[in-house]
Protein backbone atom coordinates (compact mmCIF):
# COMPACT_ATOMS: atom_id res chain seq x y z
CA MET A 1 166.03 50.12 105.81
CA ILE A 2 165.43 52.35 108.81
CA GLY A 3 164.74 55.02 106.52
CA LEU A 4 162.17 53.23 104.45
CA ILE A 5 160.30 51.66 108.02
CA ALA A 6 160.08 55.55 109.10
CA ARG A 7 158.47 56.74 105.03
CA ARG A 8 155.80 53.61 105.21
CA VAL A 9 154.72 54.31 108.95
CA LEU A 10 154.51 57.97 108.15
CA GLY A 11 152.92 57.52 104.64
CA ALA A 12 150.16 55.80 106.32
CA LEU A 13 149.37 57.85 108.66
CA PRO A 14 146.67 60.08 106.18
CA ASN A 15 144.55 56.24 105.40
CA LEU A 16 144.40 55.57 109.57
CA LEU A 17 143.10 59.21 109.61
CA GLY A 18 141.12 58.87 107.13
CA ILE A 19 139.86 55.60 108.10
CA ILE A 20 139.35 57.14 111.52
CA ALA A 21 136.79 60.04 110.13
CA ILE A 22 134.88 57.76 107.78
CA THR A 23 134.50 55.02 110.88
CA PHE A 24 133.01 57.44 112.97
CA LEU A 25 130.70 59.16 110.67
CA LEU A 26 129.54 55.79 109.16
CA THR A 27 128.46 54.76 112.74
CA ARG A 28 126.34 57.44 113.47
CA ALA A 29 124.64 57.34 110.18
CA LEU A 30 123.65 53.46 111.24
CA PRO A 31 119.84 53.06 112.00
CA GLY A 32 118.92 53.14 115.51
CA ASP A 33 119.34 55.09 118.48
CA PRO A 34 121.63 54.05 121.15
CA ALA A 35 120.14 56.03 123.70
CA ALA A 36 116.23 54.31 122.79
CA PHE A 37 118.37 50.54 123.33
CA TYR A 38 119.75 51.05 126.39
CA ALA A 39 116.63 52.74 127.90
CA GLY A 40 115.08 49.92 127.24
CA PRO A 41 111.22 49.29 126.01
CA ALA A 42 109.70 51.06 128.56
CA GLY A 43 111.97 53.69 128.93
CA THR A 44 110.01 57.55 129.00
CA GLN A 45 111.45 60.45 126.56
CA GLU A 46 113.29 61.49 129.50
CA ALA A 47 114.97 58.61 130.74
CA VAL A 48 115.81 58.62 126.62
CA GLU A 49 117.27 62.24 126.64
CA GLU A 50 119.20 61.53 130.13
CA VAL A 51 121.26 58.52 128.59
CA ARG A 52 121.47 60.55 125.30
CA GLU A 53 123.41 63.29 127.20
CA LYS A 54 125.35 60.50 129.50
CA LEU A 55 126.87 59.06 126.39
CA GLY A 56 127.56 62.50 124.23
CA LEU A 57 125.13 61.90 121.60
CA ASN A 58 123.25 65.32 122.29
CA ARG A 59 125.91 67.08 121.27
CA SER A 60 127.15 68.45 117.68
CA LEU A 61 129.02 65.68 114.96
CA PRO A 62 131.97 67.85 115.00
CA GLU A 63 132.15 68.25 118.97
CA GLN A 64 131.90 64.44 119.19
CA PHE A 65 134.83 63.81 116.81
CA TRP A 66 136.71 65.73 118.66
CA ILE A 67 136.29 64.42 122.01
CA TYR A 68 137.05 60.87 120.08
CA VAL A 69 140.28 62.11 118.11
CA LYS A 70 141.65 63.96 121.73
CA ASP A 71 140.53 60.06 123.73
CA LEU A 72 142.39 58.18 120.62
CA GLY A 73 145.16 60.26 121.50
CA SER A 74 145.32 59.43 125.11
CA GLY A 75 144.77 56.13 123.81
CA ASN A 76 141.10 55.61 125.31
CA LEU A 77 139.09 54.11 123.08
CA GLY A 78 135.54 54.01 124.87
CA GLN A 79 133.88 52.10 127.08
CA SER A 80 131.49 49.26 125.99
CA LEU A 81 128.15 49.89 126.61
CA SER A 82 127.17 45.98 125.87
CA THR A 83 129.57 44.83 128.51
CA GLY A 84 130.16 47.94 130.74
CA GLN A 85 133.94 47.14 129.79
CA ALA A 86 136.64 49.89 128.38
CA VAL A 87 137.21 48.72 124.64
CA ILE A 88 140.84 48.68 124.82
CA GLN A 89 140.63 46.19 127.40
CA GLU A 90 138.01 43.63 125.60
CA LEU A 91 139.90 44.12 121.97
CA ARG A 92 143.55 42.85 124.82
CA MET A 93 141.58 40.41 126.05
CA ARG A 94 139.98 39.34 122.10
CA LEU A 95 142.29 40.12 119.57
CA PRO A 96 144.82 37.12 120.80
CA ALA A 97 141.81 35.11 119.79
CA SER A 98 141.68 36.03 116.72
CA LEU A 99 145.12 36.33 115.91
CA GLU A 100 145.44 32.59 116.16
CA LEU A 101 143.13 32.10 114.05
CA VAL A 102 143.45 34.19 111.03
CA PHE A 103 147.21 33.55 111.09
CA LEU A 104 147.46 30.18 111.47
CA ALA A 105 144.83 30.02 108.35
CA LEU A 106 147.27 32.01 106.54
CA ALA A 107 150.09 30.15 107.24
CA LEU A 108 148.30 26.83 106.49
CA ALA A 109 146.96 28.37 103.10
CA ILE A 110 150.58 29.68 102.18
CA SER A 111 152.62 26.22 103.28
CA ILE A 112 149.44 24.57 100.31
CA ALA A 113 148.84 26.83 97.86
CA ILE A 114 152.42 27.50 96.99
CA PRO A 115 153.69 24.10 96.32
CA LEU A 116 150.24 23.29 94.76
CA GLY A 117 150.88 26.08 92.17
CA VAL A 118 154.17 25.23 91.67
CA MET A 119 153.94 21.78 90.97
CA ALA A 120 150.42 22.83 88.77
CA ALA A 121 152.99 25.13 86.75
CA ARG A 122 155.37 22.77 86.47
CA HIS A 123 152.73 20.12 84.91
CA PRO A 124 150.56 21.87 83.04
CA ASN A 125 147.17 20.00 81.97
CA SER A 126 148.11 16.97 84.69
CA TRP A 127 146.25 15.87 87.07
CA ILE A 128 147.59 18.22 89.84
CA ASP A 129 147.28 21.35 87.55
CA HIS A 130 143.56 19.98 87.80
CA LEU A 131 142.95 19.32 91.15
CA CYS A 132 144.75 23.32 91.28
CA ARG A 133 141.66 24.62 89.87
CA LEU A 134 139.28 22.81 91.38
CA VAL A 135 140.46 24.05 94.78
CA THR A 136 140.88 27.80 93.65
CA THR A 137 136.91 27.01 91.60
CA ALA A 138 135.37 25.36 95.05
CA GLY A 139 137.71 28.04 97.16
CA VAL A 140 136.43 31.33 95.23
CA SER A 141 132.33 29.77 94.99
CA LEU A 142 132.09 28.59 98.40
CA PRO A 143 130.37 31.26 101.26
CA THR A 144 132.63 31.17 103.92
CA PHE A 145 129.57 30.54 106.44
CA PHE A 146 128.32 27.65 103.93
CA THR A 147 131.79 25.90 104.16
CA GLY A 148 132.10 26.08 108.27
CA LEU A 149 128.83 24.78 108.63
CA LEU A 150 129.78 21.89 105.79
CA LEU A 151 132.73 20.92 107.61
CA THR A 152 130.94 21.15 111.21
CA TYR A 153 128.29 19.54 109.90
CA VAL A 154 130.55 15.85 108.64
CA PHE A 155 133.31 16.44 110.56
CA TYR A 156 131.72 16.84 113.97
CA PHE A 157 127.88 15.63 113.84
CA LEU A 158 128.30 12.74 111.49
CA LEU A 159 132.00 11.29 111.81
CA GLY A 160 132.32 12.67 115.74
CA TRP A 161 136.46 13.25 114.60
CA ALA A 162 136.42 17.10 115.41
CA PRO A 163 135.15 18.69 119.02
CA SER A 164 131.54 20.63 119.16
CA PRO A 165 132.17 24.20 117.64
CA ILE A 166 131.55 25.69 120.65
CA GLY A 167 134.42 28.22 121.42
CA ARG A 168 138.10 28.32 122.07
CA LEU A 169 138.12 25.49 125.06
CA ASP A 170 136.24 22.87 125.88
CA PRO A 171 134.21 24.18 128.85
CA PHE A 172 135.11 21.42 131.44
CA LEU A 173 138.66 22.24 130.86
CA THR A 174 140.27 24.89 132.21
CA PRO A 175 142.58 28.15 130.06
CA PRO A 176 145.89 28.03 130.95
CA SER A 177 147.50 30.82 132.26
CA ALA A 178 148.10 34.15 130.01
CA ILE A 179 151.26 34.89 128.19
CA THR A 180 150.69 35.74 124.84
CA GLY A 181 147.15 35.08 124.77
CA ILE A 182 147.13 32.57 122.45
CA TYR A 183 146.31 29.10 124.06
CA THR A 184 148.31 26.95 122.12
CA ILE A 185 150.97 28.74 122.56
CA ASP A 186 150.73 29.58 126.18
CA SER A 187 149.76 25.51 126.84
CA LEU A 188 153.07 24.44 125.12
CA LEU A 189 154.49 27.26 127.65
CA HIS A 190 153.35 25.76 130.11
CA GLY A 191 154.31 22.58 129.01
CA ASP A 192 150.50 21.28 129.06
CA ILE A 193 150.43 18.91 126.09
CA VAL A 194 146.71 18.19 127.05
CA LEU A 195 145.56 21.18 126.87
CA PHE A 196 147.51 21.84 124.03
CA ARG A 197 145.84 19.64 122.19
CA ALA A 198 142.43 20.21 123.16
CA CYS A 199 142.94 24.32 122.04
CA ALA A 200 144.63 22.65 118.49
CA ALA A 201 141.51 20.15 118.50
CA GLN A 202 139.12 23.48 118.57
CA LEU A 203 141.09 25.20 116.08
CA CYS A 204 141.00 22.76 113.18
CA LEU A 205 137.60 23.81 111.81
CA PRO A 206 137.33 27.52 111.87
CA VAL A 207 141.54 27.57 110.60
CA LEU A 208 140.35 25.28 107.72
CA THR A 209 137.18 27.34 106.92
CA LEU A 210 139.40 30.31 106.73
CA THR A 211 141.86 28.36 104.79
CA VAL A 212 139.65 27.25 102.15
CA PHE A 213 138.33 30.62 101.42
CA VAL A 214 142.28 32.30 101.33
CA LEU A 215 144.13 28.99 99.17
CA ALA A 216 142.08 29.75 96.00
CA PRO A 217 143.63 33.11 95.03
CA LEU A 218 146.86 32.40 95.89
CA ALA A 219 147.29 29.04 94.22
CA ARG A 220 146.04 30.64 91.62
CA MET A 221 148.12 33.26 91.34
CA THR A 222 151.76 31.19 92.13
CA ARG A 223 150.49 28.79 89.13
CA GLY A 224 150.05 32.10 87.18
CA SER A 225 153.31 34.00 88.03
CA MET A 226 155.01 30.63 87.66
CA MET A 227 154.07 29.54 84.42
CA ALA A 228 155.20 33.33 82.91
CA VAL A 229 158.36 32.79 84.56
CA LEU A 230 158.93 29.34 83.23
CA SER A 231 158.77 30.62 80.00
CA ALA A 232 161.19 33.59 80.30
CA ASP A 233 164.42 33.39 78.75
CA PHE A 234 166.72 33.15 81.75
CA VAL A 235 165.47 29.61 82.62
CA ARG A 236 165.75 28.15 78.84
CA THR A 237 169.40 29.49 79.70
CA ALA A 238 169.82 28.03 82.44
CA ARG A 239 168.14 24.87 81.17
CA ALA A 240 171.04 24.83 78.37
CA SER A 241 173.22 25.48 80.46
CA GLY A 242 172.91 22.14 82.25
CA LEU A 243 171.48 23.15 86.09
CA ALA A 244 169.95 20.66 88.32
CA SER A 245 165.84 21.08 87.49
CA PRO A 246 165.62 21.98 91.48
CA THR A 247 167.72 24.43 91.16
CA ILE A 248 165.97 26.28 88.43
CA LEU A 249 162.32 25.76 89.70
CA VAL A 250 163.08 27.13 93.23
CA ARG A 251 166.15 28.99 92.96
CA TYR A 252 165.35 31.36 89.62
CA ALA A 253 161.70 29.98 88.97
CA LEU A 254 160.28 30.35 92.33
CA ARG A 255 161.88 33.48 93.56
CA ASN A 256 161.51 35.41 90.40
CA ALA A 257 157.45 34.75 90.92
CA LEU A 258 157.27 35.36 94.92
CA LEU A 259 156.48 38.67 94.35
CA PRO A 260 153.01 39.04 92.47
CA VAL A 261 152.53 36.40 95.58
CA VAL A 262 154.06 38.21 98.40
CA THR A 263 151.27 41.25 96.87
CA THR A 264 148.33 39.12 97.23
CA VAL A 265 149.06 37.38 100.63
CA GLY A 266 148.76 41.02 101.34
CA MET A 267 145.34 41.42 99.71
CA VAL A 268 144.28 38.36 101.34
CA PHE A 269 144.78 39.03 104.45
CA SER A 270 142.38 42.52 104.19
CA PHE A 271 139.91 39.68 103.18
CA LEU A 272 141.11 36.90 106.17
CA LEU A 273 140.35 39.98 108.35
CA GLY A 274 136.67 40.34 107.33
CA MET A 275 135.93 36.39 106.94
CA SER A 276 137.09 35.76 110.48
CA VAL A 277 133.98 37.89 111.80
CA ILE A 278 131.87 35.29 109.95
CA VAL A 279 133.43 32.44 111.11
CA GLU A 280 133.81 33.32 114.54
CA LYS A 281 129.89 33.39 114.85
CA VAL A 282 129.41 30.24 113.10
CA PHE A 283 132.10 28.66 115.51
CA ALA A 284 131.00 30.57 118.84
CA TRP A 285 134.41 31.82 119.00
CA PRO A 286 135.27 34.62 121.19
CA GLY A 287 137.00 37.22 119.14
CA VAL A 288 137.12 40.53 117.95
CA GLY A 289 135.41 39.51 115.48
CA SER A 290 131.88 38.61 117.14
CA PHE A 291 132.59 40.99 119.66
CA ALA A 292 132.35 43.87 116.89
CA LEU A 293 129.04 42.52 115.25
CA ASP A 294 127.27 41.79 118.78
CA ALA A 295 128.02 46.07 119.01
CA LEU A 296 126.86 46.78 115.01
CA VAL A 297 123.37 45.44 116.58
CA ALA A 298 123.67 47.00 119.83
CA SER A 299 124.43 50.68 118.32
CA ASP A 300 126.89 50.49 120.16
CA TYR A 301 129.45 52.68 118.18
CA ALA A 302 132.52 52.34 120.50
CA PRO A 303 133.53 49.00 120.36
CA VAL A 304 133.14 48.86 116.39
CA GLN A 305 135.07 52.26 115.88
CA GLY A 306 138.07 50.41 118.14
CA PHE A 307 137.88 47.07 116.03
CA VAL A 308 138.05 49.25 112.64
CA LEU A 309 141.06 50.65 114.32
CA THR A 310 142.18 47.99 115.14
CA MET A 311 141.99 45.94 111.98
CA ALA A 312 143.22 48.93 110.31
CA LEU A 313 146.86 48.84 112.12
CA LEU A 314 146.86 45.47 111.54
CA TYR A 315 146.77 45.32 107.92
CA THR A 316 148.88 48.51 107.84
CA LEU A 317 151.72 46.42 109.74
CA LEU A 318 151.11 43.49 107.46
CA ASN A 319 151.70 45.76 104.39
CA LEU A 320 155.15 47.27 106.04
CA GLY A 321 156.29 43.83 106.49
CA ILE A 322 155.30 43.52 102.73
CA ASP A 323 157.66 45.76 101.62
CA ILE A 324 160.47 44.64 103.28
CA LEU A 325 160.10 41.37 102.26
CA TYR A 326 160.75 43.01 98.73
CA VAL A 327 163.58 44.10 99.21
CA VAL A 328 164.82 40.64 100.75
CA ILE A 329 163.38 38.46 98.36
CA ASP A 330 164.74 40.59 95.38
CA PRO A 331 167.11 43.30 95.81
CA ARG A 332 166.69 45.14 92.45
CA VAL A 333 163.33 46.35 94.11
CA GLN A 334 163.84 49.90 95.06
CA LEU A 335 161.55 51.25 97.65
CA THR A 336 163.70 54.31 98.78
CA LYS A 337 161.09 56.72 97.03
């Protein structure tokens, strides 16, 4: 297992290096001049050139890239011109907020999609099968920003069940002392149930928005994979042997159908990372996505590069976990090569 992890990490290094190079080049190709932006509309040409020299933008692209790679090697992601803080510090503060959204939405989607897909495959053309199709169609058809705005309008404006979409916590409440940076966990660790409920309430609408988006491909893949496995010879043999239906459904069919579902989880995780940017802007969520989007508008290179690199590392770690999970689900899968 240690050898598998080492090989996967080494195999991911060229991908990460490619992402670093592509992100660097794309940020430099964006329209706009950060030096002119921060010199201000009243800035003279001399002031713009002074800012450009201070930022190192007057150097050649290979020289800028070499400096950037050297800084990365020392753990320096640069400084955000928008906030005046180090990028790594901004990411450390904002990343828990984004992870809280993404992982909770992913967990909720999996807990709904797998049982829904299994029951739809177990009872084809029934009401639950039609419900599964409706959910998957709605999930892939509705834009994420529209789903977020619709949920806000219904549950906050019309019904008044949800709190105002103004971030992670009501302005009149004090955030918990940082332990993990995730408010719900930190409030529980401090034993503050009232604060936990307030934090959980703020999470409901953004998490539900992301869940609707992720639920569709997971439920569709689970249904299709289960229908293929339930028609296999070994399932018919298990039924003829007199095994109980729950045993056949869970122990034999579901376990063999999980591999494509797990693969889909890895794919939708990358989609979640991208969609979280939109959801954070809709719900004023102070995560890394909204931070990177604001930096992109201001032509602030360092935060955008740090955001992309962080998302690439998260995706690589998740793929590593999925590779290990393959072996756990089905020991016949060999990942030694």
